[in-house]
Amino acid sequence: ARLKAEAKAKEEEQQRLAAEMEARRKAEEEAAAKAVAEAQAAAARAEEDARLAAAKAEADRCEKLISAAVAKGVINFQRADATLDPKSKPRLDELAKIVNQCPAFRISIEGHTDSEGIPERNNPLSERRAKAVSDYLMEAGVDASRLSTVGYGAERPIAENETPAGRAKNRRIEFKVIAE
């Protein structure tokens, strides 16, 4: 009887040890799977961060190219009108080429006016001017889905409106590169 009891106790001890080993094995597998998942998530975050950094660098490059082209001369319109001055067309042709070199981005075209006149006229005028630039760029081969327009009127001056030179600076078209 005693030998039977000892054999039974040994068998129970072996079963307990086997159960503990199985539990440890499962815990180790779960820990390994968790570590792999965390490593994959970290790699995915690093890849996304690198992709975003590259996209931002490319957007910055495109914005600099556009700014450099715009800095060569302003885009002018007929007085109190949205008709493009023919002298601005070479500048717009150059801008169309640059925009087409940056196909991963959308371009926001922002129209601005000086403070002469009334907002009820200036705001729609700034919108029409931005639209005129957009229309020209589309005619020059830029995909319409990549362009958006907005008019700010005299809301965002970059110079004082008290002098002719200041007002001239405020009458402008700006381009913003939008990374999506």
N, C-alpha and C. Protein backbone atom coordinates (compact mmCIF):
# COMPACT_ATOMS: atom_id res chain seq x y z
N ALA A 1 0.82 -1.18 0.00
CA ALA A 1 0.00 0.00 0.00
C ALA A 1 0.87 1.25 0.00
N ARG A 2 1.94 1.13 0.81
CA ARG A 2 2.82 2.28 0.88
C ARG A 2 3.49 2.52 -0.47
N LEU A 3 3.91 1.48 -1.17
CA LEU A 3 4.55 1.62 -2.46
C LEU A 3 3.57 2.20 -3.49
N LYS A 4 2.31 1.76 -3.37
CA LYS A 4 1.28 2.29 -4.25
C LYS A 4 1.08 3.78 -4.01
N ALA A 5 1.08 4.18 -2.76
CA ALA A 5 0.90 5.58 -2.40
C ALA A 5 2.09 6.41 -2.89
N GLU A 6 3.30 5.83 -2.74
CA GLU A 6 4.50 6.54 -3.19
C GLU A 6 4.49 6.67 -4.72
N ALA A 7 4.08 5.63 -5.41
CA ALA A 7 4.02 5.66 -6.87
C ALA A 7 2.99 6.68 -7.33
N LYS A 8 1.85 6.71 -6.60
CA LYS A 8 0.81 7.67 -6.95
C LYS A 8 1.29 9.09 -6.70
N ALA A 9 2.01 9.31 -5.59
CA ALA A 9 2.55 10.63 -5.26
C ALA A 9 3.57 11.06 -6.30
N LYS A 10 4.43 10.08 -6.75
CA LYS A 10 5.42 10.38 -7.77
C LYS A 10 4.74 10.77 -9.08
N GLU A 11 3.70 10.00 -9.42
CA GLU A 11 2.97 10.28 -10.66
C GLU A 11 2.32 11.66 -10.60
N GLU A 12 1.74 12.00 -9.45
CA GLU A 12 1.12 13.32 -9.28
C GLU A 12 2.16 14.43 -9.37
N GLU A 13 3.33 14.17 -8.78
CA GLU A 13 4.43 15.15 -8.83
C GLU A 13 4.88 15.35 -10.27
N GLN A 14 5.00 14.26 -11.04
CA GLN A 14 5.40 14.36 -12.43
C GLN A 14 4.35 15.12 -13.25
N GLN A 15 3.08 14.88 -12.96
CA GLN A 15 2.01 15.59 -13.65
C GLN A 15 2.05 17.09 -13.33
N ARG A 16 2.29 17.38 -12.03
CA ARG A 16 2.39 18.79 -11.61
C ARG A 16 3.57 19.47 -12.30
N LEU A 17 4.72 18.79 -12.33
CA LEU A 17 5.91 19.34 -12.99
C LEU A 17 5.65 19.54 -14.49
N ALA A 18 4.98 18.56 -15.12
CA ALA A 18 4.66 18.67 -16.54
C ALA A 18 3.73 19.85 -16.79
N ALA A 19 2.75 20.03 -15.90
CA ALA A 19 1.81 21.15 -16.03
C ALA A 19 2.55 22.48 -15.86
N GLU A 20 3.47 22.54 -14.91
CA GLU A 20 4.26 23.77 -14.71
C GLU A 20 5.12 24.07 -15.94
N MET A 21 5.74 23.02 -16.48
CA MET A 21 6.57 23.21 -17.67
C MET A 21 5.73 23.69 -18.85
N GLU A 22 4.53 23.11 -18.99
CA GLU A 22 3.63 23.52 -20.08
C GLU A 22 3.20 24.97 -19.89
N ALA A 23 2.91 25.35 -18.66
CA ALA A 23 2.51 26.74 -18.37
C ALA A 23 3.66 27.70 -18.67
N ARG A 24 4.90 27.31 -18.28
CA ARG A 24 6.07 28.15 -18.58
C ARG A 24 6.28 28.26 -20.08
N ARG A 25 6.13 27.15 -20.79
CA ARG A 25 6.30 27.16 -22.24
C ARG A 25 5.29 28.10 -22.90
N LYS A 26 4.04 28.02 -22.46
CA LYS A 26 3.00 28.90 -23.01
C LYS A 26 3.31 30.36 -22.68
N ALA A 27 3.75 30.63 -21.45
CA ALA A 27 4.08 32.01 -21.06
C ALA A 27 5.25 32.53 -21.90
N GLU A 28 6.25 31.68 -22.13
CA GLU A 28 7.39 32.08 -22.96
C GLU A 28 6.96 32.33 -24.40
N GLU A 29 6.08 31.49 -24.94
CA GLU A 29 5.57 31.69 -26.29
C GLU A 29 4.80 33.00 -26.39
N GLU A 30 3.95 33.25 -25.38
CA GLU A 30 3.18 34.50 -25.37
C GLU A 30 4.11 35.71 -25.28
N ALA A 31 5.14 35.61 -24.42
CA ALA A 31 6.09 36.71 -24.28
C ALA A 31 6.85 36.93 -25.59
N ALA A 32 7.24 35.83 -26.24
CA ALA A 32 7.95 35.94 -27.51
C ALA A 32 7.04 36.56 -28.58
N ALA A 33 5.78 36.10 -28.62
CA ALA A 33 4.83 36.65 -29.60
C ALA A 33 4.60 38.14 -29.33
N LYS A 34 4.50 38.51 -28.06
CA LYS A 34 4.31 39.92 -27.70
C LYS A 34 5.53 40.74 -28.12
N ALA A 35 6.73 40.20 -27.89
CA ALA A 35 7.96 40.90 -28.27
C ALA A 35 8.03 41.08 -29.79
N VAL A 36 7.64 40.05 -30.54
CA VAL A 36 7.64 40.15 -32.00
C VAL A 36 6.64 41.21 -32.44
N ALA A 37 5.43 41.19 -31.85
CA ALA A 37 4.40 42.18 -32.22
C ALA A 37 4.88 43.59 -31.89
N GLU A 38 5.52 43.77 -30.73
CA GLU A 38 6.02 45.09 -30.36
C GLU A 38 7.13 45.53 -31.32
N ALA A 39 8.00 44.61 -31.70
CA ALA A 39 9.08 44.94 -32.64
C ALA A 39 8.51 45.31 -34.00
N GLN A 40 7.48 44.56 -34.44
CA GLN A 40 6.84 44.88 -35.71
C GLN A 40 6.16 46.24 -35.66
N ALA A 41 5.49 46.53 -34.54
CA ALA A 41 4.83 47.83 -34.39
C ALA A 41 5.87 48.95 -34.38
N ALA A 42 6.97 48.74 -33.68
CA ALA A 42 8.03 49.76 -33.65
C ALA A 42 8.62 49.96 -35.04
N ALA A 43 8.82 48.87 -35.78
CA ALA A 43 9.35 48.98 -37.14
C ALA A 43 8.36 49.72 -38.04
N ALA A 44 7.07 49.43 -37.88
CA ALA A 44 6.05 50.11 -38.68
C ALA A 44 6.02 51.60 -38.35
N ARG A 45 6.13 51.94 -37.05
CA ARG A 45 6.16 53.36 -36.65
C ARG A 45 7.39 54.04 -37.23
N ALA A 46 8.53 53.38 -37.16
CA ALA A 46 9.76 53.96 -37.71
C ALA A 46 9.65 54.15 -39.21
N GLU A 47 9.05 53.18 -39.90
CA GLU A 47 8.86 53.28 -41.34
C GLU A 47 7.92 54.44 -41.68
N GLU A 48 6.84 54.56 -40.91
CA GLU A 48 5.88 55.66 -41.14
C GLU A 48 6.55 57.01 -40.84
N ASP A 49 7.32 57.08 -39.76
CA ASP A 49 8.03 58.32 -39.44
C ASP A 49 9.00 58.70 -40.56
N ALA A 50 9.70 57.70 -41.10
CA ALA A 50 10.64 57.96 -42.19
C ALA A 50 9.89 58.42 -43.44
N ARG A 51 8.74 57.78 -43.72
CA ARG A 51 7.93 58.17 -44.88
C ARG A 51 7.43 59.60 -44.72
N LEU A 52 6.96 59.94 -43.51
CA LEU A 52 6.47 61.30 -43.27
C LEU A 52 7.59 62.32 -43.37
N ALA A 53 8.77 61.98 -42.85
CA ALA A 53 9.91 62.89 -42.93
C ALA A 53 10.32 63.11 -44.38
N ALA A 54 10.31 62.04 -45.17
CA ALA A 54 10.65 62.18 -46.59
C ALA A 54 9.60 63.02 -47.32
N ALA A 55 8.33 62.79 -46.99
CA ALA A 55 7.25 63.58 -47.62
C ALA A 55 7.37 65.05 -47.25
N LYS A 56 7.69 65.32 -45.97
CA LYS A 56 7.84 66.71 -45.53
C LYS A 56 9.03 67.36 -46.24
N ALA A 57 10.13 66.62 -46.35
CA ALA A 57 11.31 67.16 -47.05
C ALA A 57 10.97 67.46 -48.51
N GLU A 58 10.23 66.56 -49.15
CA GLU A 58 9.85 66.78 -50.55
C GLU A 58 8.88 67.97 -50.66
N ALA A 59 7.94 68.07 -49.73
CA ALA A 59 7.01 69.21 -49.74
C ALA A 59 7.78 70.52 -49.53
N ASP A 60 8.74 70.51 -48.62
CA ASP A 60 9.57 71.71 -48.40
C ASP A 60 10.34 72.08 -49.66
N ARG A 61 10.89 71.06 -50.34
CA ARG A 61 11.64 71.30 -51.57
C ARG A 61 10.72 71.94 -52.63
N CYS A 62 9.52 71.39 -52.77
CA CYS A 62 8.57 71.93 -53.75
C CYS A 62 8.17 73.36 -53.39
N GLU A 63 7.93 73.59 -52.11
CA GLU A 63 7.54 74.94 -51.68
C GLU A 63 8.67 75.94 -51.96
N LYS A 64 9.92 75.51 -51.75
CA LYS A 64 11.06 76.40 -52.04
C LYS A 64 11.17 76.70 -53.53
N LEU A 65 10.96 75.69 -54.36
CA LEU A 65 11.00 75.91 -55.81
C LEU A 65 9.91 76.90 -56.23
N ILE A 66 8.72 76.72 -55.68
CA ILE A 66 7.61 77.62 -56.01
C ILE A 66 7.92 79.03 -55.51
N SER A 67 8.41 79.13 -54.28
CA SER A 67 8.75 80.45 -53.71
C SER A 67 9.82 81.15 -54.53
N ALA A 68 10.82 80.39 -54.98
CA ALA A 68 11.89 80.98 -55.80
C ALA A 68 11.32 81.50 -57.12
N ALA A 69 10.41 80.75 -57.71
CA ALA A 69 9.80 81.19 -58.97
C ALA A 69 8.95 82.44 -58.75
N VAL A 70 8.19 82.45 -57.68
CA VAL A 70 7.34 83.61 -57.38
C VAL A 70 8.19 84.84 -57.07
N ALA A 71 9.34 84.62 -56.41
CA ALA A 71 10.21 85.73 -56.03
C ALA A 71 10.80 86.45 -57.25
N LYS A 72 10.79 85.81 -58.40
CA LYS A 72 11.33 86.43 -59.61
C LYS A 72 10.43 87.54 -60.13
N GLY A 73 9.20 87.58 -59.66
CA GLY A 73 8.29 88.63 -60.10
C GLY A 73 6.87 88.30 -59.69
N VAL A 74 6.11 89.32 -59.40
CA VAL A 74 4.75 89.11 -58.93
C VAL A 74 3.82 88.72 -60.08
N ILE A 75 2.75 88.12 -59.70
CA ILE A 75 1.69 87.80 -60.66
C ILE A 75 0.72 88.98 -60.61
N ASN A 76 0.59 89.66 -61.72
CA ASN A 76 -0.23 90.87 -61.76
C ASN A 76 -1.54 90.62 -62.49
N PHE A 77 -2.49 91.49 -62.16
CA PHE A 77 -3.83 91.44 -62.75
C PHE A 77 -4.19 92.85 -63.22
N GLN A 78 -5.20 92.93 -64.07
CA GLN A 78 -5.73 94.23 -64.45
C GLN A 78 -6.28 94.89 -63.19
N ARG A 79 -6.24 96.18 -63.12
CA ARG A 79 -6.67 96.90 -61.92
C ARG A 79 -8.13 96.57 -61.58
N ALA A 80 -8.36 96.22 -60.31
CA ALA A 80 -9.68 95.91 -59.77
C ALA A 80 -10.39 94.82 -60.58
N ASP A 81 -9.59 93.87 -61.13
CA ASP A 81 -10.15 92.84 -61.98
C ASP A 81 -9.36 91.55 -61.77
N ALA A 82 -9.91 90.43 -62.20
CA ALA A 82 -9.22 89.14 -62.06
C ALA A 82 -8.56 88.70 -63.37
N THR A 83 -8.48 89.60 -64.35
CA THR A 83 -7.83 89.26 -65.61
C THR A 83 -6.32 89.32 -65.43
N LEU A 84 -5.65 88.20 -65.76
CA LEU A 84 -4.19 88.14 -65.62
C LEU A 84 -3.50 89.11 -66.58
N ASP A 85 -2.49 89.79 -66.06
CA ASP A 85 -1.64 90.63 -66.90
C ASP A 85 -0.81 89.69 -67.77
N PRO A 86 -0.78 89.90 -69.09
CA PRO A 86 -0.02 89.01 -69.97
C PRO A 86 1.45 88.86 -69.56
N LYS A 87 2.02 89.88 -68.90
CA LYS A 87 3.42 89.81 -68.47
C LYS A 87 3.62 88.75 -67.38
N SER A 88 2.55 88.31 -66.74
CA SER A 88 2.64 87.30 -65.67
C SER A 88 2.64 85.88 -66.21
N LYS A 89 2.29 85.72 -67.47
CA LYS A 89 2.13 84.37 -68.02
C LYS A 89 3.42 83.55 -68.04
N PRO A 90 4.59 84.11 -68.37
CA PRO A 90 5.81 83.30 -68.29
C PRO A 90 6.07 82.79 -66.86
N ARG A 91 5.77 83.60 -65.88
CA ARG A 91 5.96 83.19 -64.49
C ARG A 91 5.01 82.03 -64.16
N LEU A 92 3.78 82.15 -64.66
CA LEU A 92 2.81 81.08 -64.42
C LEU A 92 3.19 79.80 -65.17
N ASP A 93 3.76 79.93 -66.36
CA ASP A 93 4.23 78.75 -67.09
C ASP A 93 5.33 78.03 -66.30
N GLU A 94 6.23 78.81 -65.73
CA GLU A 94 7.30 78.24 -64.91
C GLU A 94 6.71 77.56 -63.67
N LEU A 95 5.72 78.19 -63.05
CA LEU A 95 5.07 77.59 -61.88
C LEU A 95 4.36 76.28 -62.24
N ALA A 96 3.73 76.23 -63.41
CA ALA A 96 3.06 75.00 -63.83
C ALA A 96 4.07 73.86 -63.95
N LYS A 97 5.24 74.15 -64.51
CA LYS A 97 6.29 73.12 -64.63
C LYS A 97 6.72 72.63 -63.26
N ILE A 98 6.91 73.56 -62.34
CA ILE A 98 7.33 73.19 -60.98
C ILE A 98 6.25 72.35 -60.30
N VAL A 99 5.02 72.79 -60.38
CA VAL A 99 3.92 72.05 -59.75
C VAL A 99 3.84 70.63 -60.32
N ASN A 100 4.06 70.48 -61.61
CA ASN A 100 4.03 69.15 -62.22
C ASN A 100 5.23 68.30 -61.82
N GLN A 101 6.28 68.93 -61.33
CA GLN A 101 7.44 68.19 -60.83
C GLN A 101 7.21 67.70 -59.40
N CYS A 102 6.12 68.10 -58.81
CA CYS A 102 5.78 67.73 -57.43
C CYS A 102 4.42 67.03 -57.41
N PRO A 103 4.30 65.89 -58.09
CA PRO A 103 2.98 65.28 -58.27
C PRO A 103 2.35 64.70 -57.02
N ALA A 104 3.11 64.56 -55.95
CA ALA A 104 2.56 63.95 -54.74
C ALA A 104 1.81 64.96 -53.87
N PHE A 105 1.75 66.21 -54.29
CA PHE A 105 1.18 67.24 -53.43
C PHE A 105 0.08 68.02 -54.12
N ARG A 106 -0.79 68.55 -53.27
CA ARG A 106 -1.81 69.48 -53.75
C ARG A 106 -1.26 70.89 -53.51
N ILE A 107 -1.76 71.83 -54.27
CA ILE A 107 -1.32 73.22 -54.15
C ILE A 107 -2.53 74.10 -53.85
N SER A 108 -2.42 74.86 -52.76
CA SER A 108 -3.45 75.84 -52.43
C SER A 108 -3.00 77.19 -52.98
N ILE A 109 -3.87 77.80 -53.76
CA ILE A 109 -3.59 79.11 -54.35
C ILE A 109 -4.40 80.13 -53.57
N GLU A 110 -3.69 81.07 -52.93
CA GLU A 110 -4.34 82.03 -52.05
C GLU A 110 -4.28 83.43 -52.66
N GLY A 111 -5.44 84.04 -52.80
CA GLY A 111 -5.51 85.39 -53.33
C GLY A 111 -5.62 86.41 -52.20
N HIS A 112 -4.92 87.54 -52.35
CA HIS A 112 -4.92 88.62 -51.34
C HIS A 112 -5.07 89.96 -52.05
N THR A 113 -5.69 90.90 -51.37
CA THR A 113 -5.82 92.26 -51.91
C THR A 113 -5.26 93.24 -50.88
N ASP A 114 -5.16 94.50 -51.31
CA ASP A 114 -4.82 95.54 -50.34
C ASP A 114 -6.12 95.98 -49.67
N SER A 115 -6.05 97.00 -48.84
CA SER A 115 -7.24 97.41 -48.08
C SER A 115 -8.07 98.48 -48.79
N GLU A 116 -7.62 98.91 -49.98
CA GLU A 116 -8.44 99.89 -50.69
C GLU A 116 -9.75 99.23 -51.12
N GLY A 117 -10.81 99.98 -51.08
CA GLY A 117 -12.10 99.42 -51.44
C GLY A 117 -12.77 98.81 -50.21
N ILE A 118 -13.80 98.04 -50.47
CA ILE A 118 -14.57 97.47 -49.36
C ILE A 118 -14.44 95.95 -49.38
N PRO A 119 -14.51 95.33 -48.20
CA PRO A 119 -14.38 93.87 -48.13
C PRO A 119 -15.36 93.13 -49.03
N GLU A 120 -16.56 93.68 -49.20
CA GLU A 120 -17.56 93.02 -50.04
C GLU A 120 -17.10 92.90 -51.50
N ARG A 121 -16.16 93.76 -51.90
CA ARG A 121 -15.58 93.67 -53.25
C ARG A 121 -14.24 92.95 -53.22
N ASN A 122 -13.41 93.25 -52.21
CA ASN A 122 -12.06 92.69 -52.14
C ASN A 122 -12.06 91.17 -51.95
N ASN A 123 -12.94 90.66 -51.09
CA ASN A 123 -12.93 89.22 -50.84
C ASN A 123 -13.27 88.43 -52.11
N PRO A 124 -14.36 88.75 -52.80
CA PRO A 124 -14.64 88.02 -54.05
C PRO A 124 -13.56 88.25 -55.11
N LEU A 125 -12.98 89.45 -55.15
CA LEU A 125 -11.92 89.73 -56.11
C LEU A 125 -10.71 88.82 -55.84
N SER A 126 -10.33 88.68 -54.58
CA SER A 126 -9.18 87.82 -54.25
C SER A 126 -9.48 86.37 -54.62
N GLU A 127 -10.72 85.94 -54.43
CA GLU A 127 -11.11 84.58 -54.81
C GLU A 127 -11.05 84.40 -56.33
N ARG A 128 -11.56 85.39 -57.07
CA ARG A 128 -11.55 85.30 -58.54
C ARG A 128 -10.10 85.29 -59.08
N ARG A 129 -9.24 86.06 -58.45
CA ARG A 129 -7.84 86.08 -58.88
C ARG A 129 -7.17 84.73 -58.63
N ALA A 130 -7.41 84.16 -57.47
CA ALA A 130 -6.85 82.83 -57.18
C ALA A 130 -7.38 81.82 -58.19
N LYS A 131 -8.65 81.91 -58.52
CA LYS A 131 -9.28 81.01 -59.50
C LYS A 131 -8.67 81.23 -60.89
N ALA A 132 -8.40 82.48 -61.24
CA ALA A 132 -7.79 82.77 -62.55
C ALA A 132 -6.41 82.11 -62.64
N VAL A 133 -5.65 82.15 -61.57
CA VAL A 133 -4.34 81.49 -61.56
C VAL A 133 -4.52 79.98 -61.68
N SER A 134 -5.45 79.44 -60.93
CA SER A 134 -5.74 78.00 -60.99
C SER A 134 -6.13 77.61 -62.41
N ASP A 135 -7.01 78.37 -63.02
CA ASP A 135 -7.44 78.07 -64.39
C ASP A 135 -6.25 78.09 -65.35
N TYR A 136 -5.37 79.07 -65.19
CA TYR A 136 -4.20 79.15 -66.06
C TYR A 136 -3.31 77.92 -65.87
N LEU A 137 -3.08 77.54 -64.61
CA LEU A 137 -2.23 76.37 -64.35
C LEU A 137 -2.85 75.10 -64.93
N MET A 138 -4.17 74.98 -64.86
CA MET A 138 -4.83 73.81 -65.46
C MET A 138 -4.63 73.81 -66.97
N GLU A 139 -4.77 74.98 -67.61
CA GLU A 139 -4.55 75.08 -69.05
C GLU A 139 -3.10 74.73 -69.41
N ALA A 140 -2.19 74.96 -68.46
CA ALA A 140 -0.77 74.66 -68.68
C ALA A 140 -0.42 73.21 -68.31
N GLY A 141 -1.44 72.41 -67.98
CA GLY A 141 -1.20 70.99 -67.78
C GLY A 141 -1.24 70.48 -66.35
N VAL A 142 -1.57 71.32 -65.38
CA VAL A 142 -1.66 70.85 -64.00
C VAL A 142 -3.04 70.23 -63.80
N ASP A 143 -3.07 69.06 -63.18
CA ASP A 143 -4.33 68.36 -62.92
C ASP A 143 -5.19 69.18 -61.95
N ALA A 144 -6.43 69.40 -62.34
CA ALA A 144 -7.35 70.22 -61.53
C ALA A 144 -7.54 69.68 -60.12
N SER A 145 -7.46 68.37 -59.96
CA SER A 145 -7.68 67.78 -58.63
C SER A 145 -6.56 68.13 -57.65
N ARG A 146 -5.47 68.66 -58.15
CA ARG A 146 -4.33 69.00 -57.29
C ARG A 146 -4.36 70.46 -56.86
N LEU A 147 -5.33 71.22 -57.34
CA LEU A 147 -5.37 72.66 -57.06
C LEU A 147 -6.60 73.02 -56.25
N SER A 148 -6.41 73.92 -55.30
CA SER A 148 -7.54 74.50 -54.58
C SER A 148 -7.28 76.00 -54.48
N THR A 149 -8.36 76.75 -54.33
CA THR A 149 -8.22 78.21 -54.27
C THR A 149 -8.95 78.76 -53.06
N VAL A 150 -8.45 79.87 -52.57
CA VAL A 150 -9.11 80.58 -51.48
C VAL A 150 -8.76 82.06 -51.63
N GLY A 151 -9.71 82.91 -51.27
CA GLY A 151 -9.47 84.35 -51.30
C GLY A 151 -9.58 84.92 -49.90
N TYR A 152 -8.59 85.69 -49.51
CA TYR A 152 -8.57 86.29 -48.17
C TYR A 152 -8.86 87.78 -48.19
N GLY A 153 -9.01 88.37 -49.36
CA GLY A 153 -9.23 89.81 -49.41
C GLY A 153 -8.06 90.52 -48.75
N ALA A 154 -8.38 91.49 -47.89
CA ALA A 154 -7.34 92.28 -47.21
C ALA A 154 -7.06 91.75 -45.81
N GLU A 155 -7.57 90.57 -45.48
CA GLU A 155 -7.46 90.02 -44.11
C GLU A 155 -6.04 89.71 -43.66
N ARG A 156 -5.13 89.42 -44.56
CA ARG A 156 -3.78 88.97 -44.19
C ARG A 156 -2.70 89.81 -44.86
N PRO A 157 -2.60 91.08 -44.50
CA PRO A 157 -1.57 91.92 -45.13
C PRO A 157 -0.17 91.49 -44.70
N ILE A 158 0.79 91.70 -45.59
CA ILE A 158 2.19 91.45 -45.26
C ILE A 158 2.96 92.76 -45.16
N ALA A 159 2.29 93.87 -45.46
CA ALA A 159 2.89 95.21 -45.39
C ALA A 159 1.78 96.18 -44.98
N GLU A 160 2.20 97.40 -44.65
CA GLU A 160 1.21 98.41 -44.29
C GLU A 160 0.45 98.86 -45.53
N ASN A 161 -0.80 99.18 -45.36
CA ASN A 161 -1.63 99.60 -46.49
C ASN A 161 -1.65 101.12 -46.67
N GLU A 162 -0.83 101.85 -45.93
CA GLU A 162 -0.85 103.31 -45.99
C GLU A 162 -0.04 103.87 -47.15
N THR A 163 0.82 103.04 -47.75
CA THR A 163 1.66 103.54 -48.85
C THR A 163 1.38 102.73 -50.11
N PRO A 164 1.63 103.32 -51.27
CA PRO A 164 1.45 102.56 -52.51
C PRO A 164 2.33 101.29 -52.55
N ALA A 165 3.56 101.41 -52.04
CA ALA A 165 4.46 100.24 -52.04
C ALA A 165 3.92 99.14 -51.14
N GLY A 166 3.40 99.52 -49.98
CA GLY A 166 2.83 98.53 -49.06
C GLY A 166 1.60 97.86 -49.66
N ARG A 167 0.74 98.67 -50.26
CA ARG A 167 -0.46 98.11 -50.90
C ARG A 167 -0.08 97.15 -52.03
N ALA A 168 0.95 97.51 -52.79
CA ALA A 168 1.39 96.64 -53.89
C ALA A 168 1.85 95.28 -53.35
N LYS A 169 2.53 95.28 -52.21
CA LYS A 169 2.98 94.01 -51.62
C LYS A 169 1.79 93.17 -51.15
N ASN A 170 0.76 93.83 -50.69
CA ASN A 170 -0.41 93.11 -50.18
C ASN A 170 -1.27 92.51 -51.28
N ARG A 171 -1.20 93.08 -52.48
CA ARG A 171 -1.92 92.52 -53.62
C ARG A 171 -1.06 91.39 -54.18
N ARG A 172 -1.38 90.17 -53.81
CA ARG A 172 -0.49 89.06 -54.16
C ARG A 172 -1.25 87.74 -54.26
N ILE A 173 -0.57 86.79 -54.86
CA ILE A 173 -1.01 85.39 -54.90
C ILE A 173 0.07 84.60 -54.17
N GLU A 174 -0.36 83.75 -53.25
CA GLU A 174 0.57 82.87 -52.55
C GLU A 174 0.22 81.42 -52.85
N PHE A 175 1.24 80.58 -52.78
CA PHE A 175 1.08 79.15 -53.06
C PHE A 175 1.53 78.36 -51.84
N LYS A 176 0.70 77.44 -51.41
CA LYS A 176 1.04 76.56 -50.28
C LYS A 176 1.02 75.13 -50.77
N VAL A 177 2.07 74.38 -50.42
CA VAL A 177 2.14 72.97 -50.76
C VAL A 177 1.46 72.19 -49.65
N ILE A 178 0.53 71.32 -50.03
CA ILE A 178 -0.23 70.55 -49.05
C ILE A 178 0.13 69.07 -49.21
N ALA A 179 0.77 68.54 -48.19
CA ALA A 179 1.10 67.11 -48.18
C ALA A 179 -0.11 66.35 -47.63
N GLU A 180 -0.51 65.32 -48.33
CA GLU A 180 -1.70 64.57 -47.88
C GLU A 180 -1.30 63.22 -47.38
